[in-house]
Amino acid sequence: MPTNSPKKRPGSSQPRRAASGHLAPLPPSKLPPEQRLDAALERQDAAAVAFALRNDHVIVPLLVVDGPAQVRVFRRGEADKYMLLLFSSPQTYIAMVPDEPEHRVLPYDRATLTEFLEQNIGVLEGIWFDVAGPHAMQADPHDVLEALQLDAD
C-alpha cells in the first residue's frame, strides 16, 4: 500500500555489545563446525541456516559513526526498502568492502536479531548472507523472523 510518509532508515537498535572497531573479538561459537552458519551456507541448506541463526551468533555490519552503534543496511538504487546483509564471520564482511578503512561489526544472537527484525521488518526487502561469497544465500525477512521465532531447539 503506497504511503507518503518518509521511510525510516533501519539500524538504530541498541546492540547488546559495544562496537570496539576493527575485528573485535567474537564470543566463541556455541555449535560444532558442521552446524555453524558458514557450513550451512556452503551446503545451501536453508533449514541449517535457520538452525545456526537460532543457536549461534551472526555477524552484523555497523555504520562507522560516533555515538550508539547502528546497523548498516544497503539499498539498491532508488528502492524504497533496504537489504540487511549478514555474515558468517568478520572476514566475509571485509571481503565485501575490502577498501574501506574501518570495518565495525557486532555478533548478534537469536534474541538480538529477532528484536532488530521485529523493529525493522517493514523497511526490509531482503536479507543476504555472505553476499560476497563464496556461498551467498538470500532470504525473505519474514521467513527469517519466523525461523527465529520457532521454539528453541
N, C-alpha and C. Protein backbone atom coordinates (compact mmCIF):
# COMPACT_ATOMS: atom_id res chain seq x y z
N MET A 1 0.84 -1.17 0.00
CA MET A 1 0.00 0.00 0.00
C MET A 1 0.90 1.24 0.00
N PRO A 2 0.74 2.14 -0.96
CA PRO A 2 1.59 3.32 -1.02
C PRO A 2 1.38 4.23 0.19
N THR A 3 2.44 4.89 0.55
CA THR A 3 2.36 5.83 1.66
C THR A 3 3.23 7.03 1.35
N ASN A 4 2.83 8.18 1.82
CA ASN A 4 3.60 9.39 1.60
C ASN A 4 4.50 9.73 2.77
N SER A 5 4.44 8.93 3.82
CA SER A 5 5.29 9.23 4.97
C SER A 5 6.74 8.88 4.66
N PRO A 6 7.69 9.62 5.23
CA PRO A 6 9.09 9.34 4.96
C PRO A 6 9.47 7.98 5.51
N LYS A 7 10.38 7.31 4.81
CA LYS A 7 10.85 5.99 5.22
C LYS A 7 11.87 6.13 6.34
N LYS A 8 11.69 5.36 7.38
CA LYS A 8 12.66 5.34 8.48
C LYS A 8 13.79 4.40 8.10
N ARG A 9 15.00 4.85 8.24
CA ARG A 9 16.15 4.01 7.95
C ARG A 9 16.35 3.06 9.11
N PRO A 10 16.37 1.75 8.85
CA PRO A 10 16.56 0.81 9.94
C PRO A 10 17.98 0.86 10.44
N GLY A 11 18.19 0.33 11.63
CA GLY A 11 19.55 0.19 12.10
C GLY A 11 19.84 0.90 13.38
N SER A 12 18.85 1.46 14.02
CA SER A 12 19.15 2.19 15.24
C SER A 12 18.80 1.38 16.49
N SER A 13 18.76 0.07 16.35
CA SER A 13 18.52 -0.76 17.53
C SER A 13 19.73 -0.68 18.45
N GLN A 14 19.54 -1.00 19.68
CA GLN A 14 20.62 -0.92 20.65
C GLN A 14 21.29 -2.29 20.81
N PRO A 15 22.45 -2.50 20.21
CA PRO A 15 23.13 -3.78 20.34
C PRO A 15 23.51 -4.05 21.79
N ARG A 16 23.62 -5.29 22.13
CA ARG A 16 23.97 -5.68 23.49
C ARG A 16 25.45 -5.52 23.79
N ARG A 17 26.26 -5.45 22.76
CA ARG A 17 27.70 -5.30 22.97
C ARG A 17 28.16 -4.01 22.31
N ALA A 18 29.10 -3.34 22.93
CA ALA A 18 29.62 -2.11 22.34
C ALA A 18 30.53 -2.44 21.17
N ALA A 19 30.43 -1.66 20.11
CA ALA A 19 31.31 -1.84 18.96
C ALA A 19 32.69 -1.34 19.33
N SER A 20 33.67 -2.16 19.15
CA SER A 20 35.02 -1.75 19.51
C SER A 20 35.90 -1.60 18.28
N GLY A 21 35.28 -1.49 17.11
CA GLY A 21 36.07 -1.22 15.92
C GLY A 21 36.44 -2.46 15.15
N HIS A 22 37.58 -2.38 14.49
CA HIS A 22 38.04 -3.38 13.53
C HIS A 22 38.26 -4.74 14.18
N LEU A 23 37.52 -5.72 13.71
CA LEU A 23 37.68 -7.12 14.11
C LEU A 23 37.74 -7.32 15.62
N ALA A 24 36.75 -6.82 16.31
CA ALA A 24 36.65 -7.05 17.75
C ALA A 24 36.54 -8.54 18.01
N PRO A 25 37.04 -9.00 19.16
CA PRO A 25 36.95 -10.43 19.47
C PRO A 25 35.49 -10.89 19.51
N LEU A 26 35.25 -12.06 18.99
CA LEU A 26 33.91 -12.61 18.96
C LEU A 26 33.73 -13.60 20.09
N PRO A 27 32.49 -13.76 20.54
CA PRO A 27 32.26 -14.82 21.52
C PRO A 27 32.48 -16.17 20.84
N PRO A 28 32.86 -17.18 21.60
CA PRO A 28 33.06 -18.49 20.98
C PRO A 28 31.74 -19.03 20.44
N SER A 29 31.82 -19.77 19.35
CA SER A 29 30.63 -20.37 18.78
C SER A 29 30.05 -21.40 19.74
N LYS A 30 28.74 -21.51 19.73
CA LYS A 30 28.05 -22.48 20.58
C LYS A 30 27.83 -23.81 19.85
N LEU A 31 28.17 -23.85 18.58
CA LEU A 31 27.88 -25.01 17.75
C LEU A 31 29.14 -25.69 17.25
N PRO A 32 29.07 -27.00 16.97
CA PRO A 32 30.20 -27.66 16.31
C PRO A 32 30.35 -27.11 14.89
N PRO A 33 31.54 -27.19 14.32
CA PRO A 33 31.79 -26.58 13.00
C PRO A 33 30.78 -26.95 11.92
N GLU A 34 30.33 -28.18 11.89
CA GLU A 34 29.41 -28.61 10.83
C GLU A 34 28.01 -28.02 10.96
N GLN A 35 27.69 -27.40 12.10
CA GLN A 35 26.36 -26.80 12.30
C GLN A 35 26.39 -25.27 12.26
N ARG A 36 27.55 -24.69 12.05
CA ARG A 36 27.68 -23.23 12.04
C ARG A 36 27.16 -22.65 10.73
N LEU A 37 26.96 -21.34 10.75
CA LEU A 37 26.38 -20.64 9.60
C LEU A 37 27.20 -20.85 8.33
N ASP A 38 28.51 -20.75 8.41
CA ASP A 38 29.32 -20.91 7.20
C ASP A 38 29.14 -22.29 6.57
N ALA A 39 29.03 -23.32 7.39
CA ALA A 39 28.81 -24.68 6.87
C ALA A 39 27.43 -24.80 6.24
N ALA A 40 26.43 -24.21 6.87
CA ALA A 40 25.07 -24.24 6.32
C ALA A 40 25.01 -23.52 4.97
N LEU A 41 25.70 -22.39 4.87
CA LEU A 41 25.73 -21.65 3.61
C LEU A 41 26.46 -22.45 2.54
N GLU A 42 27.54 -23.11 2.91
CA GLU A 42 28.27 -23.93 1.94
C GLU A 42 27.38 -25.03 1.37
N ARG A 43 26.53 -25.60 2.20
CA ARG A 43 25.60 -26.66 1.75
C ARG A 43 24.36 -26.07 1.08
N GLN A 44 24.17 -24.74 1.17
CA GLN A 44 22.97 -24.07 0.64
C GLN A 44 21.72 -24.70 1.25
N ASP A 45 21.76 -24.90 2.56
CA ASP A 45 20.72 -25.59 3.31
C ASP A 45 19.96 -24.57 4.17
N ALA A 46 18.77 -24.17 3.71
CA ALA A 46 18.01 -23.13 4.41
C ALA A 46 17.64 -23.54 5.83
N ALA A 47 17.29 -24.80 6.04
CA ALA A 47 16.95 -25.26 7.40
C ALA A 47 18.17 -25.18 8.31
N ALA A 48 19.33 -25.51 7.80
CA ALA A 48 20.56 -25.43 8.60
C ALA A 48 20.93 -23.98 8.89
N VAL A 49 20.68 -23.08 7.95
CA VAL A 49 20.91 -21.65 8.19
C VAL A 49 20.01 -21.18 9.33
N ALA A 50 18.75 -21.56 9.29
CA ALA A 50 17.81 -21.18 10.35
C ALA A 50 18.27 -21.74 11.70
N PHE A 51 18.72 -22.98 11.72
CA PHE A 51 19.21 -23.59 12.96
C PHE A 51 20.40 -22.79 13.51
N ALA A 52 21.34 -22.45 12.63
CA ALA A 52 22.52 -21.69 13.06
C ALA A 52 22.12 -20.32 13.61
N LEU A 53 21.17 -19.66 12.97
CA LEU A 53 20.73 -18.34 13.45
C LEU A 53 20.05 -18.45 14.81
N ARG A 54 19.34 -19.54 15.05
CA ARG A 54 18.65 -19.71 16.33
C ARG A 54 19.61 -20.09 17.46
N ASN A 55 20.73 -20.71 17.13
CA ASN A 55 21.57 -21.31 18.16
C ASN A 55 22.98 -20.76 18.27
N ASP A 56 23.33 -19.79 17.47
CA ASP A 56 24.68 -19.23 17.48
C ASP A 56 24.57 -17.73 17.19
N HIS A 57 25.67 -17.11 16.86
CA HIS A 57 25.63 -15.69 16.51
C HIS A 57 25.88 -15.51 15.01
N VAL A 58 25.48 -14.35 14.52
CA VAL A 58 25.69 -13.95 13.15
C VAL A 58 26.37 -12.58 13.20
N ILE A 59 27.20 -12.29 12.22
CA ILE A 59 27.93 -11.02 12.18
C ILE A 59 27.09 -9.97 11.46
N VAL A 60 26.90 -8.84 12.14
CA VAL A 60 26.10 -7.73 11.63
C VAL A 60 27.03 -6.53 11.42
N PRO A 61 27.10 -5.99 10.19
CA PRO A 61 27.94 -4.82 9.96
C PRO A 61 27.32 -3.57 10.56
N LEU A 62 28.18 -2.68 11.00
CA LEU A 62 27.75 -1.43 11.61
C LEU A 62 28.23 -0.24 10.80
N LEU A 63 27.50 0.85 10.90
CA LEU A 63 27.96 2.11 10.33
C LEU A 63 29.11 2.63 11.17
N VAL A 64 30.03 3.30 10.54
CA VAL A 64 31.13 3.94 11.26
C VAL A 64 30.65 5.33 11.64
N VAL A 65 30.10 5.44 12.85
CA VAL A 65 29.55 6.70 13.35
C VAL A 65 29.93 6.86 14.81
N ASP A 66 29.93 8.10 15.26
CA ASP A 66 30.08 8.37 16.68
C ASP A 66 28.73 8.13 17.34
N GLY A 67 28.76 7.76 18.60
CA GLY A 67 27.50 7.52 19.31
C GLY A 67 27.13 6.06 19.30
N PRO A 68 25.84 5.79 19.57
CA PRO A 68 25.39 4.40 19.64
C PRO A 68 25.62 3.66 18.33
N ALA A 69 25.90 2.37 18.44
CA ALA A 69 26.10 1.54 17.26
C ALA A 69 24.82 1.51 16.43
N GLN A 70 24.99 1.56 15.09
CA GLN A 70 23.86 1.49 14.17
C GLN A 70 24.14 0.44 13.11
N VAL A 71 23.18 -0.44 12.91
CA VAL A 71 23.31 -1.49 11.91
C VAL A 71 23.40 -0.85 10.53
N ARG A 72 24.32 -1.35 9.73
CA ARG A 72 24.48 -0.87 8.36
C ARG A 72 23.57 -1.69 7.45
N VAL A 73 22.69 -1.01 6.74
CA VAL A 73 21.83 -1.65 5.76
C VAL A 73 22.14 -1.04 4.40
N PHE A 74 21.68 -1.69 3.35
CA PHE A 74 22.02 -1.29 1.99
C PHE A 74 20.74 -1.14 1.18
N ARG A 75 20.81 -0.25 0.19
CA ARG A 75 19.65 -0.01 -0.67
C ARG A 75 20.09 -0.12 -2.13
N ARG A 76 19.26 -0.75 -2.94
CA ARG A 76 19.51 -0.84 -4.38
C ARG A 76 19.00 0.43 -5.04
N GLY A 77 19.89 1.24 -5.53
CA GLY A 77 19.49 2.45 -6.26
C GLY A 77 18.49 3.29 -5.50
N GLU A 78 17.34 3.50 -6.11
CA GLU A 78 16.28 4.32 -5.51
C GLU A 78 15.18 3.48 -4.87
N ALA A 79 15.47 2.25 -4.55
CA ALA A 79 14.46 1.36 -3.95
C ALA A 79 13.93 1.97 -2.65
N ASP A 80 12.67 1.66 -2.35
CA ASP A 80 12.05 2.17 -1.13
C ASP A 80 12.52 1.43 0.12
N LYS A 81 12.93 0.18 -0.06
CA LYS A 81 13.29 -0.64 1.09
C LYS A 81 14.78 -0.97 1.08
N TYR A 82 15.22 -1.54 2.17
CA TYR A 82 16.64 -1.84 2.39
C TYR A 82 16.90 -3.33 2.39
N MET A 83 18.16 -3.68 2.23
CA MET A 83 18.63 -5.05 2.35
C MET A 83 19.50 -5.14 3.60
N LEU A 84 19.27 -6.16 4.38
CA LEU A 84 20.12 -6.44 5.54
C LEU A 84 21.11 -7.50 5.10
N LEU A 85 22.39 -7.20 5.27
CA LEU A 85 23.44 -8.15 4.93
C LEU A 85 24.01 -8.72 6.21
N LEU A 86 24.00 -10.04 6.32
CA LEU A 86 24.52 -10.74 7.48
C LEU A 86 25.67 -11.63 7.04
N PHE A 87 26.59 -11.89 7.96
CA PHE A 87 27.81 -12.59 7.60
C PHE A 87 28.15 -13.69 8.59
N SER A 88 28.83 -14.71 8.08
CA SER A 88 29.24 -15.83 8.93
C SER A 88 30.51 -15.51 9.71
N SER A 89 31.23 -14.48 9.30
CA SER A 89 32.45 -14.07 10.00
C SER A 89 32.79 -12.64 9.63
N PRO A 90 33.59 -11.96 10.45
CA PRO A 90 34.04 -10.62 10.06
C PRO A 90 34.81 -10.63 8.75
N GLN A 91 35.54 -11.70 8.49
CA GLN A 91 36.34 -11.78 7.26
C GLN A 91 35.46 -11.78 6.01
N THR A 92 34.28 -12.40 6.08
CA THR A 92 33.41 -12.39 4.90
C THR A 92 32.82 -11.00 4.67
N TYR A 93 32.64 -10.23 5.74
CA TYR A 93 32.20 -8.83 5.57
C TYR A 93 33.32 -8.01 4.94
N ILE A 94 34.54 -8.18 5.43
CA ILE A 94 35.68 -7.44 4.88
C ILE A 94 35.87 -7.77 3.40
N ALA A 95 35.61 -9.02 3.00
CA ALA A 95 35.73 -9.41 1.60
C ALA A 95 34.76 -8.62 0.72
N MET A 96 33.64 -8.20 1.28
CA MET A 96 32.66 -7.43 0.51
C MET A 96 33.10 -5.98 0.33
N VAL A 97 33.75 -5.40 1.34
CA VAL A 97 34.16 -4.00 1.30
C VAL A 97 35.63 -3.87 1.71
N PRO A 98 36.53 -4.50 0.95
CA PRO A 98 37.93 -4.55 1.38
C PRO A 98 38.64 -3.21 1.41
N ASP A 99 38.18 -2.24 0.65
CA ASP A 99 38.87 -0.96 0.57
C ASP A 99 38.43 0.04 1.62
N GLU A 100 37.43 -0.31 2.41
CA GLU A 100 37.01 0.61 3.47
C GLU A 100 38.05 0.61 4.58
N PRO A 101 38.31 1.79 5.17
CA PRO A 101 39.37 1.88 6.18
C PRO A 101 39.02 1.24 7.52
N GLU A 102 37.74 1.09 7.81
CA GLU A 102 37.34 0.53 9.10
C GLU A 102 36.14 -0.39 8.89
N HIS A 103 36.17 -1.51 9.59
CA HIS A 103 35.09 -2.50 9.49
C HIS A 103 34.55 -2.76 10.89
N ARG A 104 33.41 -2.17 11.20
CA ARG A 104 32.80 -2.38 12.51
C ARG A 104 31.71 -3.44 12.38
N VAL A 105 31.73 -4.38 13.30
CA VAL A 105 30.74 -5.45 13.31
C VAL A 105 30.36 -5.78 14.75
N LEU A 106 29.21 -6.41 14.89
CA LEU A 106 28.77 -6.96 16.17
C LEU A 106 28.24 -8.36 15.94
N PRO A 107 28.47 -9.26 16.88
CA PRO A 107 27.80 -10.55 16.81
C PRO A 107 26.40 -10.42 17.39
N TYR A 108 25.40 -10.80 16.64
CA TYR A 108 24.02 -10.79 17.13
C TYR A 108 23.60 -12.22 17.41
N ASP A 109 23.02 -12.42 18.58
CA ASP A 109 22.45 -13.72 18.89
C ASP A 109 20.99 -13.73 18.43
N ARG A 110 20.34 -14.84 18.69
CA ARG A 110 18.94 -15.02 18.26
C ARG A 110 18.04 -13.89 18.76
N ALA A 111 18.12 -13.58 20.04
CA ALA A 111 17.23 -12.57 20.62
C ALA A 111 17.47 -11.19 20.01
N THR A 112 18.73 -10.83 19.83
CA THR A 112 19.07 -9.51 19.30
C THR A 112 18.64 -9.38 17.84
N LEU A 113 18.90 -10.43 17.04
CA LEU A 113 18.49 -10.40 15.64
C LEU A 113 16.96 -10.38 15.52
N THR A 114 16.29 -11.16 16.35
CA THR A 114 14.82 -11.16 16.35
C THR A 114 14.28 -9.77 16.66
N GLU A 115 14.83 -9.14 17.69
CA GLU A 115 14.38 -7.79 18.06
C GLU A 115 14.61 -6.80 16.92
N PHE A 116 15.78 -6.86 16.29
CA PHE A 116 16.06 -5.96 15.18
C PHE A 116 15.06 -6.17 14.04
N LEU A 117 14.81 -7.42 13.68
CA LEU A 117 13.88 -7.69 12.59
C LEU A 117 12.46 -7.26 12.94
N GLU A 118 12.03 -7.51 14.16
CA GLU A 118 10.69 -7.08 14.57
C GLU A 118 10.53 -5.57 14.45
N GLN A 119 11.57 -4.83 14.79
CA GLN A 119 11.50 -3.37 14.73
C GLN A 119 11.58 -2.83 13.31
N ASN A 120 12.20 -3.57 12.40
CA ASN A 120 12.51 -3.02 11.07
C ASN A 120 11.93 -3.81 9.91
N ILE A 121 11.12 -4.81 10.17
CA ILE A 121 10.64 -5.71 9.12
C ILE A 121 9.94 -4.95 7.98
N GLY A 122 9.27 -3.87 8.29
CA GLY A 122 8.53 -3.13 7.28
C GLY A 122 9.38 -2.38 6.28
N VAL A 123 10.65 -2.17 6.58
CA VAL A 123 11.52 -1.42 5.66
C VAL A 123 12.60 -2.30 5.04
N LEU A 124 12.50 -3.61 5.26
CA LEU A 124 13.48 -4.54 4.69
C LEU A 124 12.85 -5.32 3.55
N GLU A 125 13.55 -5.35 2.40
CA GLU A 125 13.05 -6.14 1.27
C GLU A 125 13.73 -7.48 1.17
N GLY A 126 14.89 -7.64 1.79
CA GLY A 126 15.59 -8.91 1.69
C GLY A 126 16.73 -8.99 2.68
N ILE A 127 17.16 -10.22 2.92
CA ILE A 127 18.32 -10.49 3.76
C ILE A 127 19.27 -11.35 2.94
N TRP A 128 20.52 -10.92 2.89
CA TRP A 128 21.57 -11.68 2.21
C TRP A 128 22.56 -12.18 3.23
N PHE A 129 23.01 -13.40 3.04
CA PHE A 129 24.04 -13.99 3.88
C PHE A 129 25.31 -14.13 3.05
N ASP A 130 26.44 -13.65 3.60
CA ASP A 130 27.76 -13.74 2.94
C ASP A 130 27.66 -13.34 1.47
N VAL A 131 27.12 -12.16 1.22
CA VAL A 131 26.83 -11.71 -0.14
C VAL A 131 28.06 -11.70 -1.05
N ALA A 132 29.26 -11.55 -0.50
CA ALA A 132 30.47 -11.55 -1.31
C ALA A 132 30.94 -12.97 -1.64
N GLY A 133 30.23 -13.95 -1.15
CA GLY A 133 30.55 -15.34 -1.46
C GLY A 133 31.53 -15.95 -0.49
N PRO A 134 31.91 -17.13 -0.71
CA PRO A 134 31.65 -17.92 -1.92
C PRO A 134 30.31 -18.65 -1.92
N HIS A 135 29.55 -18.59 -0.83
CA HIS A 135 28.31 -19.36 -0.74
C HIS A 135 27.16 -18.47 -0.29
N ALA A 136 26.88 -17.44 -1.06
CA ALA A 136 25.84 -16.47 -0.70
C ALA A 136 24.45 -17.12 -0.77
N MET A 137 23.57 -16.64 0.10
CA MET A 137 22.16 -17.04 0.07
C MET A 137 21.32 -15.81 0.35
N GLN A 138 20.09 -15.83 -0.15
CA GLN A 138 19.14 -14.74 0.09
C GLN A 138 17.90 -15.32 0.75
N ALA A 139 17.28 -14.51 1.61
CA ALA A 139 16.05 -14.94 2.28
C ALA A 139 15.11 -13.76 2.43
N ASP A 140 13.85 -14.07 2.52
CA ASP A 140 12.84 -13.06 2.81
C ASP A 140 12.90 -12.72 4.29
N PRO A 141 12.85 -11.45 4.67
CA PRO A 141 12.92 -11.08 6.09
C PRO A 141 11.84 -11.75 6.95
N HIS A 142 10.64 -11.91 6.41
CA HIS A 142 9.57 -12.56 7.17
C HIS A 142 9.90 -14.02 7.45
N ASP A 143 10.51 -14.70 6.47
CA ASP A 143 10.90 -16.10 6.67
C ASP A 143 11.97 -16.23 7.74
N VAL A 144 12.93 -15.32 7.73
CA VAL A 144 13.99 -15.35 8.75
C VAL A 144 13.39 -15.09 10.13
N LEU A 145 12.52 -14.10 10.22
CA LEU A 145 11.90 -13.81 11.51
C LEU A 145 11.09 -15.00 12.01
N GLU A 146 10.32 -15.64 11.13
CA GLU A 146 9.56 -16.83 11.53
C GLU A 146 10.49 -17.94 12.02
N ALA A 147 11.60 -18.13 11.34
CA ALA A 147 12.56 -19.17 11.75
C ALA A 147 13.15 -18.86 13.12
N LEU A 148 13.41 -17.60 13.39
CA LEU A 148 13.96 -17.21 14.69
C LEU A 148 12.94 -17.37 15.80
N GLN A 149 11.67 -17.25 15.48
CA GLN A 149 10.62 -17.31 16.49
C GLN A 149 10.16 -18.73 16.81
N LEU A 150 10.67 -19.72 16.09
CA LEU A 150 10.34 -21.11 16.41
C LEU A 150 10.82 -21.44 17.81
N ASP A 151 10.18 -22.43 18.42
CA ASP A 151 10.62 -22.86 19.76
C ASP A 151 12.09 -23.22 19.73
N ALA A 152 12.76 -23.00 20.85
CA ALA A 152 14.19 -23.29 20.96
C ALA A 152 14.45 -24.76 20.65
N ASP A 153 15.54 -24.99 19.92
CA ASP A 153 15.91 -26.37 19.55
C ASP A 153 16.58 -27.08 20.69
